[in-house]
Every structure is written in structure tokens, then in C-alpha cells.
Amino acid sequence: MINADQVLKTIRLTEKSNQLSSNYGQYTFEVYPSATKHTVRAAVEQTFKVTVTRVNIQNRKGKPKRTRRGLATSASDSKRAIVTLKAGDKIELT
């Protein structure tokens, strides 16, 4: 049994992700760096009681930044999962 709290961080609600969910049944999640496609699939199916047909993973590198003192740093890296659901399935985002 997988613990969904150790895989899914949050659901991403942006203009682009809302368009994907309404047109194609795809939902975007922020996930932990150790998450894989199989664990994301299991966590979404267990949490929302839907059928997942496809999972795409994006590893996003943090952008370079400068501090007030001029030192070079970078924003945190992140990992996102775009999950496609079976036709007719929906995740209620209320």
C-alpha cells in the first residue's frame, strides 16, 4: 500500500492546467523528487478514486537568482506530474 502523502505535494491550479483539465482530462500535480510514474499513478487512483491512463513527469530546474548582496544562488528544483484520466473521470477541485 502506498502513502499518497509521500508522493503528491499539491495540485497545480494555473490558467494552462485548468485548460488542460477541461479540454483533455489532464491534471497537474507537484510531486516529491523521489516520485516515479508508477507511484504517482497509484497515489492519484487511491486518493481521488479515478482511473489513470497516462502519467508524464517533468523535472524543472530552479532558475538562477541573485541575492541582495550580489551572490549567485538558484531557486529550488521541482518535479511535476501531468496525469491523464480515463474519459468520463473527473477530479473535483472544490
PDB file of N, CA and C in Angstrom:
ATOM      1  N   MET A   1       0.841  -1.180   0.000  1.00  0.00           N
ATOM      2  CA  MET A   1       0.000   0.000   0.000  1.00  0.00           C
ATOM      3  C   MET A   1       0.889   1.247   0.000  1.00  0.00           C
ATOM      4  N   ILE A   2       0.580   2.184  -0.879  1.00  0.00           N
ATOM      5  CA  ILE A   2       1.373   3.401  -1.000  1.00  0.00           C
ATOM      6  C   ILE A   2       0.748   4.526  -0.182  1.00  0.00           C
ATOM      7  N   ASN A   3       1.575   5.352   0.415  1.00  0.00           N
ATOM      8  CA  ASN A   3       1.089   6.506   1.160  1.00  0.00           C
ATOM      9  C   ASN A   3       1.118   7.717   0.223  1.00  0.00           C
ATOM     10  N   ALA A   4      -0.049   8.240  -0.137  1.00  0.00           N
ATOM     11  CA  ALA A   4      -0.148   9.326  -1.106  1.00  0.00           C
ATOM     12  C   ALA A   4       0.493  10.608  -0.590  1.00  0.00           C
ATOM     13  N   ASP A   5       0.591  10.766   0.733  1.00  0.00           N
ATOM     14  CA  ASP A   5       1.215  11.966   1.298  1.00  0.00           C
ATOM     15  C   ASP A   5       2.707  12.026   1.017  1.00  0.00           C
ATOM     16  N   GLN A   6       3.316  10.893   0.717  1.00  0.00           N
ATOM     17  CA  GLN A   6       4.737  10.854   0.410  1.00  0.00           C
ATOM     18  C   GLN A   6       5.011  10.977  -1.079  1.00  0.00           C
ATOM     19  N   VAL A   7       3.973  11.115  -1.899  1.00  0.00           N
ATOM     20  CA  VAL A   7       4.138  11.237  -3.346  1.00  0.00           C
ATOM     21  C   VAL A   7       3.626  12.586  -3.836  1.00  0.00           C
ATOM     22  N   LEU A   8       2.379  12.919  -3.526  1.00  0.00           N
ATOM     23  CA  LEU A   8       1.750  14.143  -4.022  1.00  0.00           C
ATOM     24  C   LEU A   8       1.938  15.287  -3.027  1.00  0.00           C
ATOM     25  N   LYS A   9       2.455  16.416  -3.511  1.00  0.00           N
ATOM     26  CA  LYS A   9       2.555  17.607  -2.669  1.00  0.00           C
ATOM     27  C   LYS A   9       1.277  18.424  -2.791  1.00  0.00           C
ATOM     28  N   THR A  10       0.974  18.873  -4.002  1.00  0.00           N
ATOM     29  CA  THR A  10      -0.190  19.728  -4.218  1.00  0.00           C
ATOM     30  C   THR A  10      -0.624  19.644  -5.676  1.00  0.00           C
ATOM     31  N   ILE A  11      -1.836  20.078  -5.941  1.00  0.00           N
ATOM     32  CA  ILE A  11      -2.315  20.150  -7.310  1.00  0.00           C
ATOM     33  C   ILE A  11      -2.041  21.562  -7.811  1.00  0.00           C
ATOM     34  N   ARG A  12      -1.570  21.689  -9.034  1.00  0.00           N
ATOM     35  CA  ARG A  12      -1.227  22.992  -9.608  1.00  0.00           C
ATOM     36  C   ARG A  12      -2.442  23.567 -10.311  1.00  0.00           C
ATOM     37  N   LEU A  13      -2.904  24.731  -9.875  1.00  0.00           N
ATOM     38  CA  LEU A  13      -4.047  25.390 -10.483  1.00  0.00           C
ATOM     39  C   LEU A  13      -3.572  26.667 -11.176  1.00  0.00           C
ATOM     40  N   THR A  14      -3.293  26.549 -12.450  1.00  0.00           N
ATOM     41  CA  THR A  14      -2.892  27.687 -13.262  1.00  0.00           C
ATOM     42  C   THR A  14      -3.840  27.783 -14.439  1.00  0.00           C
ATOM     43  N   GLU A  15      -3.709  28.833 -15.203  1.00  0.00           N
ATOM     44  CA  GLU A  15      -4.567  29.006 -16.367  1.00  0.00           C
ATOM     45  C   GLU A  15      -4.360  27.858 -17.370  1.00  0.00           C
ATOM     46  N   LYS A  16      -3.119  27.493 -17.581  1.00  0.00           N
ATOM     47  CA  LYS A  16      -2.816  26.411 -18.518  1.00  0.00           C
ATOM     48  C   LYS A  16      -3.308  25.064 -17.996  1.00  0.00           C
ATOM     49  N   SER A  17      -3.110  24.779 -16.711  1.00  0.00           N
ATOM     50  CA  SER A  17      -3.547  23.492 -16.173  1.00  0.00           C
ATOM     51  C   SER A  17      -5.072  23.390 -16.135  1.00  0.00           C
ATOM     52  N   ASN A  18      -5.772  24.503 -15.892  1.00  0.00           N
ATOM     53  CA  ASN A  18      -7.231  24.481 -15.934  1.00  0.00           C
ATOM     54  C   ASN A  18      -7.741  24.199 -17.339  1.00  0.00           C
ATOM     55  N   GLN A  19      -7.062  24.730 -18.332  1.00  0.00           N
ATOM     56  CA  GLN A  19      -7.433  24.473 -19.718  1.00  0.00           C
ATOM     57  C   GLN A  19      -7.192  23.005 -20.082  1.00  0.00           C
ATOM     58  N   LEU A  20      -6.077  22.437 -19.619  1.00  0.00           N
ATOM     59  CA  LEU A  20      -5.790  21.022 -19.872  1.00  0.00           C
ATOM     60  C   LEU A  20      -6.837  20.122 -19.224  1.00  0.00           C
ATOM     61  N   SER A  21      -7.250  20.466 -18.018  1.00  0.00           N
ATOM     62  CA  SER A  21      -8.210  19.609 -17.326  1.00  0.00           C
ATOM     63  C   SER A  21      -9.586  19.673 -17.965  1.00  0.00           C
ATOM     64  N   SER A  22      -9.989  20.842 -18.421  1.00  0.00           N
ATOM     65  CA  SER A  22     -11.322  20.946 -19.018  1.00  0.00           C
ATOM     66  C   SER A  22     -11.369  20.379 -20.435  1.00  0.00           C
ATOM     67  N   ASN A  23     -10.289  20.500 -21.197  1.00  0.00           N
ATOM     68  CA  ASN A  23     -10.289  20.037 -22.590  1.00  0.00           C
ATOM     69  C   ASN A  23      -9.834  18.590 -22.756  1.00  0.00           C
ATOM     70  N   TYR A  24      -8.846  18.164 -21.985  1.00  0.00           N
ATOM     71  CA  TYR A  24      -8.217  16.864 -22.224  1.00  0.00           C
ATOM     72  C   TYR A  24      -8.278  15.909 -21.042  1.00  0.00           C
ATOM     73  N   GLY A  25      -8.804  16.328 -19.916  1.00  0.00           N
ATOM     74  CA  GLY A  25      -8.850  15.460 -18.746  1.00  0.00           C
ATOM     75  C   GLY A  25      -7.489  15.232 -18.126  1.00  0.00           C
ATOM     76  N   GLN A  26      -6.590  16.232 -18.228  1.00  0.00           N
ATOM     77  CA  GLN A  26      -5.253  16.125 -17.668  1.00  0.00           C
ATOM     78  C   GLN A  26      -5.137  17.054 -16.460  1.00  0.00           C
ATOM     79  N   TYR A  27      -4.528  16.564 -15.394  1.00  0.00           N
ATOM     80  CA  TYR A  27      -4.363  17.330 -14.171  1.00  0.00           C
ATOM     81  C   TYR A  27      -2.886  17.384 -13.812  1.00  0.00           C
ATOM     82  N   THR A  28      -2.440  18.528 -13.295  1.00  0.00           N
ATOM     83  CA  THR A  28      -1.035  18.741 -12.983  1.00  0.00           C
ATOM     84  C   THR A  28      -0.840  18.732 -11.464  1.00  0.00           C
ATOM     85  N   PHE A  29       0.117  17.932 -11.002  1.00  0.00           N
ATOM     86  CA  PHE A  29       0.429  17.817  -9.583  1.00  0.00           C
ATOM     87  C   PHE A  29       1.891  18.155  -9.351  1.00  0.00           C
ATOM     88  N   GLU A  30       2.165  18.812  -8.237  1.00  0.00           N
ATOM     89  CA  GLU A  30       3.531  18.971  -7.764  1.00  0.00           C
ATOM     90  C   GLU A  30       3.824  17.720  -6.941  1.00  0.00           C
ATOM     91  N   VAL A  31       4.934  17.036  -7.244  1.00  0.00           N
ATOM     92  CA  VAL A  31       5.249  15.775  -6.559  1.00  0.00           C
ATOM     93  C   VAL A  31       6.638  15.862  -5.929  1.00  0.00           C
ATOM     94  N   TYR A  32       6.914  14.947  -5.016  1.00  0.00           N
ATOM     95  CA  TYR A  32       8.216  14.894  -4.368  1.00  0.00           C
ATOM     96  C   TYR A  32       9.261  14.370  -5.355  1.00  0.00           C
ATOM     97  N   PRO A  33      10.528  14.758  -5.190  1.00  0.00           N
ATOM     98  CA  PRO A  33      11.579  14.364  -6.147  1.00  0.00           C
ATOM     99  C   PRO A  33      11.775  12.856  -6.281  1.00  0.00           C
ATOM    100  N   SER A  34      11.427  12.089  -5.270  1.00  0.00           N
ATOM    101  CA  SER A  34      11.627  10.634  -5.334  1.00  0.00           C
ATOM    102  C   SER A  34      10.462   9.916  -6.025  1.00  0.00           C
ATOM    103  N   ALA A  35       9.418  10.641  -6.422  1.00  0.00           N
ATOM    104  CA  ALA A  35       8.238  10.013  -7.020  1.00  0.00           C
ATOM    105  C   ALA A  35       8.536   9.510  -8.436  1.00  0.00           C
ATOM    106  N   THR A  36       7.943   8.358  -8.764  1.00  0.00           N
ATOM    107  CA  THR A  36       8.055   7.798 -10.107  1.00  0.00           C
ATOM    108  C   THR A  36       6.672   7.775 -10.746  1.00  0.00           C
ATOM    109  N   LYS A  37       6.616   7.418 -12.028  1.00  0.00           N
ATOM    110  CA  LYS A  37       5.330   7.359 -12.717  1.00  0.00           C
ATOM    111  C   LYS A  37       4.388   6.356 -12.061  1.00  0.00           C
ATOM    112  N   HIS A  38       4.924   5.226 -11.655  1.00  0.00           N
ATOM    113  CA  HIS A  38       4.098   4.178 -11.053  1.00  0.00           C
ATOM    114  C   HIS A  38       3.537   4.613  -9.698  1.00  0.00           C
ATOM    115  N   THR A  39       4.367   5.277  -8.888  1.00  0.00           N
ATOM    116  CA  THR A  39       3.882   5.717  -7.582  1.00  0.00           C
ATOM    117  C   THR A  39       2.882   6.862  -7.704  1.00  0.00           C
ATOM    118  N   VAL A  40       3.086   7.740  -8.690  1.00  0.00           N
ATOM    119  CA  VAL A  40       2.134   8.836  -8.918  1.00  0.00           C
ATOM    120  C   VAL A  40       0.792   8.266  -9.362  1.00  0.00           C
ATOM    121  N   ARG A  41       0.816   7.299 -10.261  1.00  0.00           N
ATOM    122  CA  ARG A  41      -0.419   6.665 -10.728  1.00  0.00           C
ATOM    123  C   ARG A  41      -1.185   6.050  -9.555  1.00  0.00           C
ATOM    124  N   ALA A  42      -0.478   5.299  -8.734  1.00  0.00           N
ATOM    125  CA  ALA A  42      -1.127   4.634  -7.602  1.00  0.00           C
ATOM    126  C   ALA A  42      -1.677   5.650  -6.602  1.00  0.00           C
ATOM    127  N   ALA A  43      -0.942   6.725  -6.340  1.00  0.00           N
ATOM    128  CA  ALA A  43      -1.379   7.726  -5.375  1.00  0.00           C
ATOM    129  C   ALA A  43      -2.621   8.469  -5.862  1.00  0.00           C
ATOM    130  N   VAL A  44      -2.666   8.828  -7.147  1.00  0.00           N
ATOM    131  CA  VAL A  44      -3.827   9.544  -7.686  1.00  0.00           C
ATOM    132  C   VAL A  44      -5.049   8.629  -7.706  1.00  0.00           C
ATOM    133  N   GLU A  45      -4.868   7.391  -8.121  1.00  0.00           N
ATOM    134  CA  GLU A  45      -6.002   6.455  -8.159  1.00  0.00           C
ATOM    135  C   GLU A  45      -6.539   6.191  -6.755  1.00  0.00           C
ATOM    136  N   GLN A  46      -5.655   6.075  -5.777  1.00  0.00           N
ATOM    137  CA  GLN A  46      -6.074   5.803  -4.408  1.00  0.00           C
ATOM    138  C   GLN A  46      -6.744   7.028  -3.782  1.00  0.00           C
ATOM    139  N   THR A  47      -6.218   8.216  -4.022  1.00  0.00           N
ATOM    140  CA  THR A  47      -6.718   9.426  -3.382  1.00  0.00           C
ATOM    141  C   THR A  47      -8.043   9.891  -3.962  1.00  0.00           C
ATOM    142  N   PHE A  48      -8.145   9.912  -5.306  1.00  0.00           N
ATOM    143  CA  PHE A  48      -9.315  10.503  -5.954  1.00  0.00           C
ATOM    144  C   PHE A  48     -10.298   9.476  -6.526  1.00  0.00           C
ATOM    145  N   LYS A  49      -9.996   8.196  -6.408  1.00  0.00           N
ATOM    146  CA  LYS A  49     -10.884   7.120  -6.892  1.00  0.00           C
ATOM    147  C   LYS A  49     -11.208   7.282  -8.374  1.00  0.00           C
ATOM    148  N   VAL A  50     -10.171   7.463  -9.197  1.00  0.00           N
ATOM    149  CA  VAL A  50     -10.307   7.598 -10.651  1.00  0.00           C
ATOM    150  C   VAL A  50      -9.370   6.602 -11.318  1.00  0.00           C
ATOM    151  N   THR A  51      -9.490   6.461 -12.644  1.00  0.00           N
ATOM    152  CA  THR A  51      -8.609   5.584 -13.409  1.00  0.00           C
ATOM    153  C   THR A  51      -7.635   6.425 -14.211  1.00  0.00           C
ATOM    154  N   VAL A  52      -6.344   6.214 -14.005  1.00  0.00           N
ATOM    155  CA  VAL A  52      -5.294   6.963 -14.689  1.00  0.00           C
ATOM    156  C   VAL A  52      -4.864   6.185 -15.923  1.00  0.00           C
ATOM    157  N   THR A  53      -4.810   6.870 -17.086  1.00  0.00           N
ATOM    158  CA  THR A  53      -4.375   6.208 -18.309  1.00  0.00           C
ATOM    159  C   THR A  53      -2.935   6.542 -18.673  1.00  0.00           C
ATOM    160  N   ARG A  54      -2.433   7.713 -18.217  1.00  0.00           N
ATOM    161  CA  ARG A  54      -1.086   8.113 -18.596  1.00  0.00           C
ATOM    162  C   ARG A  54      -0.517   9.077 -17.560  1.00  0.00           C
ATOM    163  N   VAL A  55       0.792   8.986 -17.336  1.00  0.00           N
ATOM    164  CA  VAL A  55       1.478   9.900 -16.420  1.00  0.00           C
ATOM    165  C   VAL A  55       2.740  10.406 -17.111  1.00  0.00           C
ATOM    166  N   ASN A  56       2.889  11.724 -17.175  1.00  0.00           N
ATOM    167  CA  ASN A  56       4.107  12.352 -17.685  1.00  0.00           C
ATOM    168  C   ASN A  56       4.765  13.106 -16.540  1.00  0.00           C
ATOM    169  N   ILE A  57       6.104  13.003 -16.451  1.00  0.00           N
ATOM    170  CA  ILE A  57       6.860  13.634 -15.371  1.00  0.00           C
ATOM    171  C   ILE A  57       7.750  14.723 -15.965  1.00  0.00           C
ATOM    172  N   GLN A  58       7.784  15.884 -15.287  1.00  0.00           N
ATOM    173  CA  GLN A  58       8.675  16.976 -15.675  1.00  0.00           C
ATOM    174  C   GLN A  58       9.600  17.289 -14.505  1.00  0.00           C
ATOM    175  N   ASN A  59      10.904  17.257 -14.745  1.00  0.00           N
ATOM    176  CA  ASN A  59      11.882  17.725 -13.764  1.00  0.00           C
ATOM    177  C   ASN A  59      12.247  19.142 -14.144  1.00  0.00           C
ATOM    178  N   ARG A  60      11.919  20.097 -13.295  1.00  0.00           N
ATOM    179  CA  ARG A  60      12.138  21.503 -13.604  1.00  0.00           C
ATOM    180  C   ARG A  60      13.295  22.026 -12.765  1.00  0.00           C
ATOM    181  N   LYS A  61      14.323  22.517 -13.438  1.00  0.00           N
ATOM    182  CA  LYS A  61      15.485  23.059 -12.752  1.00  0.00           C
ATOM    183  C   LYS A  61      15.170  24.464 -12.269  1.00  0.00           C
ATOM    184  N   GLY A  62      15.612  24.783 -11.043  1.00  0.00           N
ATOM    185  CA  GLY A  62      15.383  26.102 -10.469  1.00  0.00           C
ATOM    186  C   GLY A  62      16.138  27.186 -11.231  1.00  0.00           C
ATOM    187  N   LYS A  63      15.498  28.322 -11.403  1.00  0.00           N
ATOM    188  CA  LYS A  63      16.118  29.422 -12.142  1.00  0.00           C
ATOM    189  C   LYS A  63      17.228  30.076 -11.321  1.00  0.00           C
ATOM    190  N   PRO A  64      18.279  30.548 -12.003  1.00  0.00           N
ATOM    191  CA  PRO A  64      19.342  31.253 -11.271  1.00  0.00           C
ATOM    192  C   PRO A  64      18.845  32.598 -10.741  1.00  0.00           C
ATOM    193  N   LYS A  65      19.242  32.912  -9.543  1.00  0.00           N
ATOM    194  CA  LYS A  65      18.839  34.156  -8.887  1.00  0.00           C
ATOM    195  C   LYS A  65      20.065  34.848  -8.322  1.00  0.00           C
ATOM    196  N   ARG A  66      19.878  36.086  -7.905  1.00  0.00           N
ATOM    197  CA  ARG A  66      20.921  36.847  -7.214  1.00  0.00           C
ATOM    198  C   ARG A  66      20.354  37.347  -5.888  1.00  0.00           C
ATOM    199  N   THR A  67      21.160  37.318  -4.860  1.00  0.00           N
ATOM    200  CA  THR A  67      20.740  37.863  -3.585  1.00  0.00           C
ATOM    201  C   THR A  67      20.953  39.377  -3.595  1.00  0.00           C
ATOM    202  N   ARG A  68      20.544  40.032  -2.530  1.00  0.00           N
ATOM    203  CA  ARG A  68      20.738  41.486  -2.443  1.00  0.00           C
ATOM    204  C   ARG A  68      22.210  41.864  -2.405  1.00  0.00           C
ATOM    205  N   ARG A  69      23.017  40.963  -1.922  1.00  0.00           N
ATOM    206  CA  ARG A  69      24.456  41.211  -1.863  1.00  0.00           C
ATOM    207  C   ARG A  69      25.148  40.898  -3.180  1.00  0.00           C
ATOM    208  N   GLY A  70      24.423  40.350  -4.139  1.00  0.00           N
ATOM    209  CA  GLY A  70      25.007  40.037  -5.441  1.00  0.00           C
ATOM    210  C   GLY A  70      25.527  38.620  -5.559  1.00  0.00           C
ATOM    211  N   LEU A  71      25.268  37.787  -4.561  1.00  0.00           N
ATOM    212  CA  LEU A  71      25.732  36.401  -4.607  1.00  0.00           C
ATOM    213  C   LEU A  71      24.817  35.571  -5.500  1.00  0.00           C
ATOM    214  N   ALA A  72      25.390  34.657  -6.224  1.00  0.00           N
ATOM    215  CA  ALA A  72      24.615  33.802  -7.116  1.00  0.00           C
ATOM    216  C   ALA A  72      24.010  32.639  -6.335  1.00  0.00           C
ATOM    217  N   THR A  73      22.712  32.458  -6.466  1.00  0.00           N
ATOM    218  CA  THR A  73      22.009  31.316  -5.877  1.00  0.00           C
ATOM    219  C   THR A  73      21.043  30.800  -6.932  1.00  0.00           C
ATOM    220  N   SER A  74      20.222  29.854  -6.559  1.00  0.00           N
ATOM    221  CA  SER A  74      19.202  29.392  -7.506  1.00  0.00           C
ATOM    222  C   SER A  74      17.940  29.020  -6.734  1.00  0.00           C
ATOM    223  N   ALA A  75      16.810  29.113  -7.418  1.00  0.00           N
ATOM    224  CA  ALA A  75      15.542  28.706  -6.838  1.00  0.00           C
ATOM    225  C   ALA A  75      15.520  27.187  -6.736  1.00  0.00           C
ATOM    226  N   SER A  76      14.635  26.657  -5.935  1.00  0.00           N
ATOM    227  CA  SER A  76      14.557  25.218  -5.731  1.00  0.00           C
ATOM    228  C   SER A  76      14.127  24.501  -6.999  1.00  0.00           C
ATOM    229  N   ASP A  77      14.686  23.318  -7.211  1.00  0.00           N
ATOM    230  CA  ASP A  77      14.233  22.461  -8.304  1.00  0.00           C
ATOM    231  C   ASP A  77      12.867  21.899  -7.935  1.00  0.00           C
ATOM    232  N   SER A  78      12.069  21.540  -8.952  1.00  0.00           N
ATOM    233  CA  SER A  78      10.755  20.976  -8.676  1.00  0.00           C
ATOM    234  C   SER A  78      10.464  19.855  -9.660  1.00  0.00           C
ATOM    235  N   LYS A  79       9.503  19.040  -9.296  1.00  0.00           N
ATOM    236  CA  LYS A  79       9.091  17.921 -10.135  1.00  0.00           C
ATOM    237  C   LYS A  79       7.585  17.961 -10.255  1.00  0.00           C
ATOM    238  N   ARG A  80       7.079  17.870 -11.477  1.00  0.00           N
ATOM    239  CA  ARG A  80       5.641  17.907 -11.724  1.00  0.00           C
ATOM    240  C   ARG A  80       5.216  16.657 -12.463  1.00  0.00           C
ATOM    241  N   ALA A  81       3.981  16.274 -12.219  1.00  0.00           N
ATOM    242  CA  ALA A  81       3.401  15.125 -12.910  1.00  0.00           C
ATOM    243  C   ALA A  81       2.113  15.575 -13.576  1.00  0.00           C
ATOM    244  N   ILE A  82       1.994  15.296 -14.886  1.00  0.00           N
ATOM    245  CA  ILE A  82       0.762  15.570 -15.617  1.00  0.00           C
ATOM    246  C   ILE A  82       0.064  14.237 -15.797  1.00  0.00           C
ATOM    247  N   VAL A  83      -1.114  14.114 -15.203  1.00  0.00           N
ATOM    248  CA  VAL A  83      -1.845  12.850 -15.146  1.00  0.00           C
ATOM    249  C   VAL A  83      -3.053  12.934 -16.065  1.00  0.00           C
ATOM    250  N   THR A  84      -3.177  11.967 -16.990  1.00  0.00           N
ATOM    251  CA  THR A  84      -4.334  11.886 -17.874  1.00  0.00           C
ATOM    252  C   THR A  84      -5.288  10.830 -17.332  1.00  0.00           C
ATOM    253  N   LEU A  85      -6.562  11.204 -17.220  1.00  0.00           N
ATOM    254  CA  LEU A  85      -7.569  10.300 -16.686  1.00  0.00           C
ATOM    255  C   LEU A  85      -8.369   9.654 -17.809  1.00  0.00           C
ATOM    256  N   LYS A  86      -9.000   8.532 -17.473  1.00  0.00           N
ATOM    257  CA  LYS A  86      -9.882   7.829 -18.408  1.00  0.00           C
ATOM    258  C   LYS A  86     -11.032   8.763 -18.773  1.00  0.00           C
ATOM    259  N   ALA A  87     -11.525   8.669 -20.008  1.00  0.00           N
ATOM    260  CA  ALA A  87     -12.618   9.528 -20.472  1.00  0.00           C
ATOM    261  C   ALA A  87     -13.833   9.347 -19.541  1.00  0.00           C
ATOM    262  N   GLY A  88     -14.371  10.464 -19.090  1.00  0.00           N
ATOM    263  CA  GLY A  88     -15.510  10.439 -18.194  1.00  0.00           C
ATOM    264  C   GLY A  88     -15.146  10.625 -16.733  1.00  0.00           C
ATOM    265  N   ASP A  89     -13.875  10.342 -16.340  1.00  0.00           N
ATOM    266  CA  ASP A  89     -13.437  10.542 -14.971  1.00  0.00           C
ATOM    267  C   ASP A  89     -13.069  12.007 -14.761  1.00  0.00           C
ATOM    268  N   LYS A  90     -13.287  12.475 -13.540  1.00  0.00           N
ATOM    269  CA  LYS A  90     -13.022  13.868 -13.199  1.00  0.00           C
ATOM    270  C   LYS A  90     -12.548  13.955 -11.767  1.00  0.00           C
ATOM    271  N   ILE A  91     -11.715  14.947 -11.482  1.00  0.00           N
ATOM    272  CA  ILE A  91     -11.301  15.248 -10.115  1.00  0.00           C
ATOM    273  C   ILE A  91     -11.986  16.553  -9.734  1.00  0.00           C
ATOM    274  N   GLU A  92     -12.770  16.512  -8.657  1.00  0.00           N
ATOM    275  CA  GLU A  92     -13.482  17.702  -8.191  1.00  0.00           C
ATOM    276  C   GLU A  92     -12.502  18.578  -7.405  1.00  0.00           C
ATOM    277  N   LEU A  93     -12.330  19.800  -7.838  1.00  0.00           N
ATOM    278  CA  LEU A  93     -11.372  20.723  -7.212  1.00  0.00           C
ATOM    279  C   LEU A  93     -12.115  21.816  -6.444  1.00  0.00           C
ATOM    280  N   THR A  94     -12.808  21.425  -5.402  1.00  0.00           N
ATOM    281  CA  THR A  94     -13.550  22.414  -4.622  1.00  0.00           C
ATOM    282  C   THR A  94     -12.937  22.613  -3.261  1.00  0.00           C
TER     283      THR A  94
END
